[in-house]
Amino acid sequence: MTRRTMLTALASAALVPNSRLLAATPPTAKAETPAPDPDLAATITALERASWDAFKACDAKSWGALYADAFFEMLADATFWTKEQVLDDIRSRAWETHHYTMSEIRVVPMNDSAAFITYKIDASFTWHTKDEATGKPVDKPYTTNAYATCVYAKVDECWQGFIYQETGVPTPAVPPA
């Protein structure tokens, strides 16, 4: 994600009614780093886990409730998805999620109504597709090993996700035998 894309996304998220995503804060005499709020960290982490649980269960309604209409994601494979595209994909059931693991979780508050979560995601899937040559159904295994970030903002006192981005974890080269 380029800096311009991120700033554009944050600016558009700030235009959501009743969102204080980029609300100005008065300058302080001394720069202070706020201590992470354990409740905020637990809340945002629970929302992100609920998102993966809904995705795994192909529960479009539950997944959709967690994200703002302006939501979009950029995945480690360089694909870009809007909220509607993700919902259509969930409804298609063209894949099966076998497992996911979130680790190295950090929640960073930006202000009283915005925070982001970063974590390492490891997940395995099976894509139900067709062989390009024969047209016959085929199942293809797929794994995601990435660092993920999701930006959340409070809208009408409800936390919603706005931007999800993955950065792939390089696979170590196997030395020749």
Protein backbone atom coordinates (compact mmCIF):
# COMPACT_ATOMS: atom_id res chain seq x y z
CA MET A 1 0.00 0.00 0.00
CA THR A 2 1.40 3.35 -0.92
CA ARG A 3 1.39 6.20 1.55
CA ARG A 4 -1.04 8.09 -0.70
CA THR A 5 -3.46 5.13 -0.80
CA MET A 6 -3.37 4.78 3.00
CA LEU A 7 -3.93 8.51 3.54
CA THR A 8 -6.79 8.52 1.03
CA ALA A 9 -8.38 5.53 2.76
CA LEU A 10 -8.06 7.07 6.20
CA ALA A 11 -9.44 10.38 4.94
CA SER A 12 -12.45 8.68 3.36
CA ALA A 13 -13.02 6.65 6.53
CA ALA A 14 -13.02 9.91 8.48
CA LEU A 15 -15.93 11.14 6.36
CA VAL A 16 -18.20 8.38 7.67
CA PRO A 17 -20.99 10.04 9.68
CA ASN A 18 -20.36 10.08 13.43
CA SER A 19 -16.83 8.76 13.03
CA ARG A 20 -14.03 10.57 14.81
CA LEU A 21 -11.30 8.60 13.08
CA LEU A 22 -9.10 11.60 12.39
CA ALA A 23 -10.51 13.94 15.03
CA ALA A 24 -8.05 16.64 15.95
CA THR A 25 -6.50 16.42 19.38
CA PRO A 26 -5.15 19.46 21.16
CA PRO A 27 -1.36 19.65 21.25
CA THR A 28 0.27 18.81 24.54
CA ALA A 29 3.35 20.38 26.01
CA LYS A 30 5.02 17.00 26.22
CA ALA A 31 4.57 14.14 23.75
CA GLU A 32 3.20 11.17 25.62
CA THR A 33 2.70 7.65 24.41
CA PRO A 34 -0.52 6.35 25.90
CA ALA A 35 -0.37 2.98 27.58
CA PRO A 36 -2.42 0.42 25.66
CA ASP A 37 -5.88 0.01 27.17
CA PRO A 38 -6.30 -3.70 28.01
CA ASP A 39 -10.04 -3.46 27.30
CA LEU A 40 -9.39 -1.87 23.90
CA ALA A 41 -6.82 -4.55 23.03
CA ALA A 42 -9.24 -7.29 24.07
CA THR A 43 -12.12 -5.69 22.15
CA ILE A 44 -10.21 -5.20 18.89
CA THR A 45 -8.60 -8.65 19.12
CA ALA A 46 -12.02 -10.25 19.71
CA LEU A 47 -13.44 -8.41 16.68
CA GLU A 48 -10.59 -9.60 14.47
CA ARG A 49 -10.99 -13.21 15.68
CA ALA A 50 -14.76 -12.96 15.09
CA SER A 51 -14.00 -11.84 11.53
CA TRP A 52 -11.84 -14.91 10.89
CA ASP A 53 -14.42 -17.16 12.57
CA ALA A 54 -17.20 -15.75 10.35
CA PHE A 55 -14.99 -16.10 7.27
CA LYS A 56 -14.19 -19.71 8.18
CA ALA A 57 -17.89 -20.48 8.75
CA CYS A 58 -18.89 -18.72 5.47
CA ASP A 59 -21.16 -16.49 7.57
CA ALA A 60 -21.52 -13.41 5.35
CA LYS A 61 -24.01 -11.71 7.68
CA SER A 62 -21.73 -11.89 10.74
CA TRP A 63 -18.63 -10.96 8.72
CA GLY A 64 -20.38 -8.01 7.07
CA ALA A 65 -21.58 -6.61 10.41
CA LEU A 66 -17.97 -6.19 11.53
CA TYR A 67 -16.95 -3.87 8.70
CA ALA A 68 -17.93 -0.42 7.44
CA ASP A 69 -19.42 -0.08 3.97
CA ALA A 70 -16.23 1.76 2.92
CA PHE A 71 -14.11 -1.28 3.94
CA PHE A 72 -11.49 -2.66 1.58
CA GLU A 73 -8.64 -5.12 1.83
CA MET A 74 -5.33 -5.70 0.10
CA LEU A 75 -4.04 -9.23 0.43
CA ALA A 76 -0.52 -10.65 0.37
CA ASP A 77 -1.11 -11.96 -3.17
CA ALA A 78 -1.63 -8.33 -4.34
CA THR A 79 -5.40 -8.64 -4.78
CA PHE A 80 -7.70 -5.78 -3.78
CA TRP A 81 -11.23 -6.47 -2.51
CA THR A 82 -14.11 -4.20 -1.54
CA LYS A 83 -16.55 -5.20 1.20
CA GLU A 84 -19.12 -6.31 -1.39
CA GLN A 85 -16.55 -8.43 -3.23
CA VAL A 86 -15.56 -10.18 0.01
CA LEU A 87 -19.22 -10.79 0.87
CA ASP A 88 -19.85 -12.22 -2.61
CA ASP A 89 -16.81 -14.47 -2.18
CA ILE A 90 -18.03 -15.68 1.22
CA ARG A 91 -21.49 -16.41 -0.19
CA SER A 92 -19.98 -18.36 -3.12
CA ARG A 93 -18.48 -20.99 -0.81
CA ALA A 94 -15.84 -21.56 -3.47
CA TRP A 95 -13.30 -22.39 -0.75
CA GLU A 96 -13.02 -24.02 2.62
CA THR A 97 -10.95 -22.63 5.49
CA HIS A 98 -9.30 -25.45 7.43
CA HIS A 99 -7.62 -23.43 10.15
CA TYR A 100 -6.17 -20.06 11.03
CA THR A 101 -3.79 -18.90 13.73
CA MET A 102 -3.24 -15.32 14.86
CA SER A 103 0.03 -14.61 16.70
CA GLU A 104 2.28 -11.66 17.57
CA ILE A 105 -0.86 -9.57 18.21
CA ARG A 106 -0.50 -5.84 18.93
CA VAL A 107 -3.30 -3.29 19.26
CA VAL A 108 -2.31 0.36 18.88
CA PRO A 109 -4.75 3.14 19.80
CA MET A 110 -4.71 6.18 17.49
CA ASN A 111 -7.20 8.23 19.53
CA ASP A 112 -10.39 7.58 21.55
CA SER A 113 -12.23 6.22 18.53
CA ALA A 114 -9.61 4.66 16.29
CA ALA A 115 -7.10 1.85 16.68
CA PHE A 116 -5.33 -0.69 14.59
CA ILE A 117 -4.35 -4.28 15.15
CA THR A 118 -1.30 -6.00 13.70
CA TYR A 119 -0.63 -9.71 13.85
CA LYS A 120 0.81 -12.68 12.02
CA ILE A 121 -1.81 -14.80 10.28
CA ASP A 122 -1.24 -18.39 9.23
CA ALA A 123 -4.20 -20.03 7.50
CA SER A 124 -4.87 -22.95 5.20
CA PHE A 125 -7.65 -23.21 2.62
CA THR A 126 -8.90 -25.42 -0.16
CA TRP A 127 -10.18 -23.67 -3.29
CA HIS A 128 -12.91 -25.54 -5.14
CA THR A 129 -12.23 -24.64 -8.76
CA LYS A 130 -12.04 -26.15 -12.22
CA ASP A 131 -9.03 -27.45 -14.10
CA GLU A 132 -8.34 -24.95 -16.87
CA ALA A 133 -7.47 -27.65 -19.41
CA THR A 134 -10.26 -30.16 -18.73
CA GLY A 135 -12.94 -28.09 -17.00
CA LYS A 136 -13.24 -30.81 -14.35
CA PRO A 137 -13.64 -29.85 -10.68
CA VAL A 138 -10.40 -29.76 -8.74
CA ASP A 139 -9.50 -28.77 -5.19
CA LYS A 140 -6.36 -26.66 -4.79
CA PRO A 141 -4.67 -26.20 -1.41
CA TYR A 142 -3.66 -22.67 -0.50
CA THR A 143 -1.93 -21.17 2.53
CA THR A 144 -1.58 -17.65 3.83
CA ASN A 145 1.44 -16.72 5.89
CA ALA A 146 1.39 -12.97 6.32
CA TYR A 147 1.54 -10.02 8.65
CA ALA A 148 -1.88 -8.38 8.80
CA THR A 149 -3.08 -4.95 9.83
CA CYS A 150 -6.68 -3.87 10.28
CA VAL A 151 -7.75 -0.30 11.09
CA TYR A 152 -10.85 0.05 13.28
CA ALA A 153 -12.89 3.17 14.08
CA LYS A 154 -15.85 3.77 16.35
CA VAL A 155 -18.99 4.70 14.43
CA ASP A 156 -22.05 5.43 16.59
CA GLU A 157 -20.21 3.83 19.53
CA CYS A 158 -19.66 0.61 17.55
CA TRP A 159 -16.21 -0.52 16.39
CA GLN A 160 -16.01 -1.25 12.66
CA GLY A 161 -13.11 -2.31 10.45
CA PHE A 162 -12.17 -0.03 7.56
CA ILE A 163 -8.92 -1.29 6.04
CA TYR A 164 -7.32 -4.74 6.13
CA GLN A 165 -3.90 -5.30 4.61
CA GLU A 166 -1.56 -8.29 4.46
CA THR A 167 2.15 -8.37 3.77
CA GLY A 168 3.49 -11.80 2.83
CA VAL A 169 6.06 -13.54 4.99
CA PRO A 170 8.90 -14.67 2.74
CA THR A 171 9.41 -18.42 2.59
CA PRO A 172 13.02 -19.23 3.44
CA ALA A 173 14.97 -20.65 0.54
CA VAL A 174 15.79 -24.33 0.88
CA PRO A 175 19.51 -24.88 0.35
CA PRO A 176 20.36 -27.39 -2.36
CA ALA A 177 21.11 -30.89 -1.12
